[in-house]
């Protein structure tokens, strides 16, 4: 039995009903600390200075930011199935930190090095979560055309066109203009 599984058994049962956001937040912070302690011990890495933020929105369940040292979690997703989120997402994200510290930025984000670390921390080693997630916002699309086809551009590109950027079709070479 690994040290990672020892800690997860010492944690309260994940099937506990989280009464409100404050209880879930406390559980996320506690579990993050426990998994980071396991990782520091198992892989001999310094994980001091990492802070947990619960401000992530959209489709991602978790995210690691190396500067500043942040672990970010999506409370909307965590609230769907807290027990699964705590047991899968947190080891997944901490594994990214350990992998980066051990192998640098040249390894694949979900490559074999990361997967081995994730499994050692009690995660599943899967790349993606299976929670029901909704995008944080819908990107509006605008119809543009050239000589050979129609294009659906995002508002970001439309704003760039309005500021003077010219986009050309790679096939016919014409510049794009509003359709209709």
Protein backbone atom coordinates (compact mmCIF):
# COMPACT_ATOMS: atom_id res chain seq x y z
CA UNK A 1 0.00 0.00 0.00
CA UNK A 2 1.40 3.41 -0.94
CA UNK A 3 1.54 6.46 1.27
CA UNK A 4 -1.02 8.15 -0.97
CA UNK A 5 -3.62 5.53 -0.22
CA UNK A 6 -2.79 5.67 3.50
CA UNK A 7 -3.69 9.35 3.57
CA UNK A 8 -6.89 8.92 1.60
CA UNK A 9 -8.01 6.26 4.07
CA UNK A 10 -7.27 8.64 6.96
CA UNK A 11 -9.47 11.29 5.34
CA UNK A 12 -13.16 11.35 6.20
CA UNK A 13 -15.24 9.19 3.88
CA UNK A 14 -15.78 11.01 0.60
CA UNK A 15 -19.39 9.88 0.58
CA UNK A 16 -20.05 12.48 3.29
CA UNK A 17 -22.80 14.85 2.26
CA UNK A 18 -21.40 18.37 1.88
CA UNK A 19 -24.02 20.63 3.39
CA UNK A 20 -22.92 23.85 1.74
CA UNK A 21 -20.16 25.55 -0.21
CA UNK A 22 -18.16 26.28 2.94
CA UNK A 23 -17.93 22.56 3.80
CA UNK A 24 -16.96 21.69 0.24
CA UNK A 25 -14.35 24.47 0.19
CA UNK A 26 -12.83 23.19 3.44
CA UNK A 27 -12.76 19.64 2.07
CA UNK A 28 -11.06 20.79 -1.15
CA UNK A 29 -8.38 22.67 0.77
CA UNK A 30 -7.80 19.81 3.22
CA UNK A 31 -7.59 17.17 0.48
CA UNK A 32 -5.24 19.37 -1.57
CA UNK A 33 -2.96 19.75 1.43
CA UNK A 34 -2.98 16.02 2.12
CA UNK A 35 -2.20 15.09 -1.49
CA UNK A 36 0.58 17.70 -1.64
CA UNK A 37 2.05 16.31 1.60
CA UNK A 38 1.97 12.81 0.06
CA UNK A 39 3.61 14.11 -3.12
CA UNK A 40 6.35 15.93 -1.21
CA UNK A 41 7.13 12.78 0.75
CA UNK A 42 6.86 10.30 -2.15
CA UNK A 43 8.75 12.35 -4.74
CA UNK A 44 11.01 14.46 -2.51
CA UNK A 45 9.81 17.77 -3.96
CA UNK A 46 9.21 21.13 -2.31
CA UNK A 47 5.53 22.08 -2.60
CA UNK A 48 5.62 24.98 -0.17
CA UNK A 49 4.02 28.21 -1.27
CA UNK A 50 1.21 26.68 -3.32
CA UNK A 51 -2.20 28.24 -2.68
CA UNK A 52 -5.65 26.86 -3.48
CA UNK A 53 -8.17 29.06 -5.31
CA UNK A 54 -11.78 28.11 -6.00
CA UNK A 55 -12.36 30.59 -8.81
CA UNK A 56 -12.13 28.47 -11.95
CA UNK A 57 -15.08 28.70 -14.35
CA UNK A 58 -16.11 26.87 -17.49
CA UNK A 59 -15.25 23.36 -18.64
CA UNK A 60 -12.06 22.71 -16.67
CA UNK A 61 -12.34 20.97 -13.30
CA UNK A 62 -8.90 22.10 -12.18
CA UNK A 63 -5.88 24.04 -13.31
CA UNK A 64 -2.29 24.60 -12.22
CA UNK A 65 -0.62 27.99 -12.59
CA UNK A 66 3.11 27.97 -11.94
CA UNK A 67 3.51 31.74 -11.61
CA UNK A 68 2.14 32.49 -9.09
CA UNK A 69 1.92 29.06 -7.50
CA UNK A 70 -1.80 28.37 -7.73
CA UNK A 71 -4.02 25.33 -7.75
CA UNK A 72 -7.41 26.40 -9.11
CA UNK A 73 -10.61 24.38 -8.83
CA UNK A 74 -14.06 24.78 -10.31
CA UNK A 75 -16.62 24.84 -7.47
CA UNK A 76 -19.57 24.32 -9.84
CA UNK A 77 -18.07 21.05 -11.05
CA UNK A 78 -16.86 20.04 -7.58
CA UNK A 79 -20.39 20.45 -6.24
CA UNK A 80 -21.82 17.92 -8.71
CA UNK A 81 -20.02 14.90 -7.27
CA UNK A 82 -17.75 16.08 -4.44
CA UNK A 83 -16.51 12.61 -3.50
CA UNK A 84 -15.33 11.84 -7.03
CA UNK A 85 -13.91 15.33 -7.50
CA UNK A 86 -11.85 15.05 -4.31
CA UNK A 87 -10.50 11.62 -5.14
CA UNK A 88 -9.72 12.20 -8.84
CA UNK A 89 -9.24 15.88 -9.69
CA UNK A 90 -6.94 16.86 -6.84
CA UNK A 91 -4.35 14.09 -7.47
CA UNK A 92 -4.59 14.92 -11.19
CA UNK A 93 -3.64 18.56 -10.62
CA UNK A 94 -0.97 17.91 -7.99
CA UNK A 95 0.60 15.38 -10.39
CA UNK A 96 1.05 18.23 -12.90
CA UNK A 97 3.05 20.17 -10.31
CA UNK A 98 5.25 17.20 -9.39
CA UNK A 99 5.80 16.26 -13.03
CA UNK A 100 6.89 19.81 -13.85
CA UNK A 101 9.26 19.93 -10.87
CA UNK A 102 10.81 16.57 -11.74
CA UNK A 103 10.87 16.69 -15.54
CA UNK A 104 10.55 20.35 -16.53
CA UNK A 105 8.24 21.75 -19.17
CA UNK A 106 9.43 19.53 -22.01
CA UNK A 107 7.27 16.51 -21.15
CA UNK A 108 3.73 16.08 -22.43
CA UNK A 109 1.11 17.40 -19.95
CA UNK A 110 -0.61 14.00 -19.75
CA UNK A 111 2.29 11.83 -20.86
CA UNK A 112 3.64 8.68 -19.21
CA UNK A 113 5.67 10.62 -16.61
CA UNK A 114 2.60 12.53 -15.45
CA UNK A 115 0.42 9.41 -15.52
CA UNK A 116 2.80 7.46 -13.27
CA UNK A 117 2.86 10.30 -10.76
CA UNK A 118 -0.93 10.67 -10.87
CA UNK A 119 -1.44 6.96 -10.21
CA UNK A 120 1.07 7.05 -7.32
CA UNK A 121 -0.94 9.90 -5.75
CA UNK A 122 -4.17 7.90 -5.93
CA UNK A 123 -5.58 9.41 -9.13
CA UNK A 124 -6.89 7.53 -12.14
CA UNK A 125 -4.28 8.72 -14.63
CA UNK A 126 -7.03 9.80 -17.01
CA UNK A 127 -6.56 12.95 -19.03
CA UNK A 128 -10.11 14.32 -18.91
CA UNK A 129 -12.87 14.42 -16.35
CA UNK A 130 -16.36 13.07 -16.96
CA UNK A 131 -18.33 15.73 -15.11
CA UNK A 132 -21.19 17.63 -16.72
CA UNK A 133 -19.54 20.98 -17.42
CA UNK A 134 -20.92 24.04 -19.15
CA UNK A 135 -18.80 26.65 -20.94
CA UNK A 136 -18.26 29.84 -18.92
CA UNK A 137 -19.46 31.87 -21.89
CA UNK A 138 -20.65 31.36 -25.40
CA UNK A 139 -18.52 32.92 -28.11
CA UNK A 140 -20.57 34.87 -30.62
CA UNK A 141 -19.83 34.15 -34.27
CA UNK A 142 -20.09 36.50 -37.24
CA UNK A 143 -20.44 35.57 -40.91
CA UNK A 144 -17.66 36.75 -43.21
CA UNK A 145 -16.87 35.75 -46.79
CA UNK A 146 -14.13 35.74 -49.40
CA UNK A 147 -14.25 34.80 -53.08
CA UNK A 148 -14.57 31.07 -52.51
CA UNK A 149 -16.39 30.43 -49.21
CA UNK A 150 -18.05 31.71 -46.04
CA UNK A 151 -16.28 32.02 -42.70
CA UNK A 152 -17.58 32.10 -39.14
CA UNK A 153 -15.37 34.49 -37.16
CA UNK A 154 -15.35 35.09 -33.43
CA UNK A 155 -15.96 38.53 -31.97
CA UNK A 156 -12.25 38.78 -31.19
CA UNK A 157 -11.30 38.54 -34.87
CA UNK A 158 -14.11 40.92 -35.87
CA UNK A 159 -12.75 43.51 -33.42
CA UNK A 160 -9.28 43.05 -34.92
CA UNK A 161 -10.70 43.59 -38.41
CA UNK A 162 -12.39 46.79 -37.20
CA UNK A 163 -9.02 47.98 -35.86
CA UNK A 164 -7.35 47.40 -39.23
CA UNK A 165 -6.16 43.78 -39.30
CA UNK A 166 -6.76 42.17 -42.68
CA UNK A 167 -7.42 38.44 -42.88
CA UNK A 168 -6.89 36.70 -46.23
CA UNK A 169 -8.26 33.38 -47.42
CA UNK A 170 -5.48 30.82 -47.86
CA UNK A 171 -7.16 29.35 -50.94
CA UNK A 172 -8.29 32.32 -53.06
CA UNK A 173 -6.18 35.05 -51.44
CA UNK A 174 -9.04 37.55 -51.11
CA UNK A 175 -9.53 39.51 -47.93
CA UNK A 176 -12.47 38.61 -45.72
CA UNK A 177 -15.47 40.95 -45.62
CA UNK A 178 -18.83 40.84 -43.81
CA UNK A 179 -21.23 38.47 -45.53
CA UNK A 180 -24.72 39.64 -46.45
